[in-house]
Amino acid sequence: MAISERENYLRTVKMGRDNAKSPEWIPCRTVISGASYDQLRDEVEEVMARHPLLFPGFEKGQRDYDNWDFGPGHRAGEDFEDAWGCVWRSDINGIEGVVINAPLANWEDMESYQAPDPAKTADRGPVDWDANRRNTEAQRARGELTSGGVPHGYLFMRMYYLRGFEDLMYDFATQDPRLQDLIDVLVDHNSRLIRQWLDIGVEKMEFGEDLGTQIASIISPKDFAKWITPAYTKLIKPCREAGCLIALHSDGYIMELMDEFVKCGIDIINPQDLCNGIDNLAREVKGRMCIRLDVDRQSIVPFGTPAEIRELIEEEVRKLGSPEGGLELLCGVYPPTPAENGEALCAAMEEFRGYWW
């Protein structure tokens, strides 16, 4: 009898620890960005329909492309102010914009600044915790893995949304003690949000923000260890005490931060593949944390040939996978990726998901 998706995922993350059995396939997921939906339309739906393993329950024709709401912060030409007072602007439908103001550009404004109440509002709209509880209970009843989490950009990125990027870099360079005041505000906010999910009883907590450039972490490992690691640890500790798995996403080069992530208690790390280097990940991360690999979206998937896409997936499975698990594959599809490359990606994931078994 085949094991469930939930059981296979738990085995993948445990990597043979605590006498865990081996998984039976590599968890694979392809996420089509709103911008690629808008670009490819019927073409991408044809690809999705041919791969029900990766897109379970998908049915063609359910998306009204001419009247689609891409969501706050993702609508081209429309400024949006979130619950933190940050104004977002996007130039492309379906791609998240950037913050164009800095509510705390002046440190003096910290005295009167009020963070949003996570019990009453989400970052970009109302929140219904009763509905979150009902949805989680329904997932649990269906035998699915239950998850909660904080918004993408919950701490370090929120700091530069509020302060402005250059000013925040000066703050780190000068070791401005007021940084801790801002961190404390954000830790308190996220702690309350996390508590809501823990009270619901989720099994996995998702944390996500982008900590790297193309070639290095945005701040030095020394500054990360001083300012960010303690904040992450405070947020993660109650999750671990509740028995939650901890997943952390970050775009950019983050190899020099991996030791800090281990100290914080991360179970699942979601790094970009080519930016960090497949061999680097194999040497320094494999076996320490489960790797939820963010498959290239900058060069090979959008611009390569189908053969190159297949070769990339095969290399990643061979070098980062194992019979004990420890590897997930995740790819976000963005313009200008053509439909045939999306097809090649899905086919390669399906081909190699069972490689080790």
Foldseek 3Di string as FASTA:
>chain_A
DADDPALLVVLQLCLCPPNRAFHQFFAEEEAEFQLNCLVQPPLQLVLCVVQCVRVPPDDPDPDDNVDDDLAPQQDAPDWAQWQQRFIHHDNTHRDGGATDDAQPLDVVCVVVGDHDALVADAGHGGDDLVVVLVVQVVCVVVVHAFEEEHDACQAPNVVCSHNPVVRVVVCLVVVPVCLQVRRVNSLVRLLNRVVSVVVSPGAAYEYEYAQADLAGGPDDLVSCVVRPLVSLLSNCVVCVVSNHAYEYEYEHACLNCVVSCLVSPHAEYEYEDPSNDLVSCLVRPAPSHQYAYAYDADDCLQPNDLVVLLVSLVVNCVRRAESSHSYHYYYYHHPPGDSVSVSSNSVSSVVCRSVRD
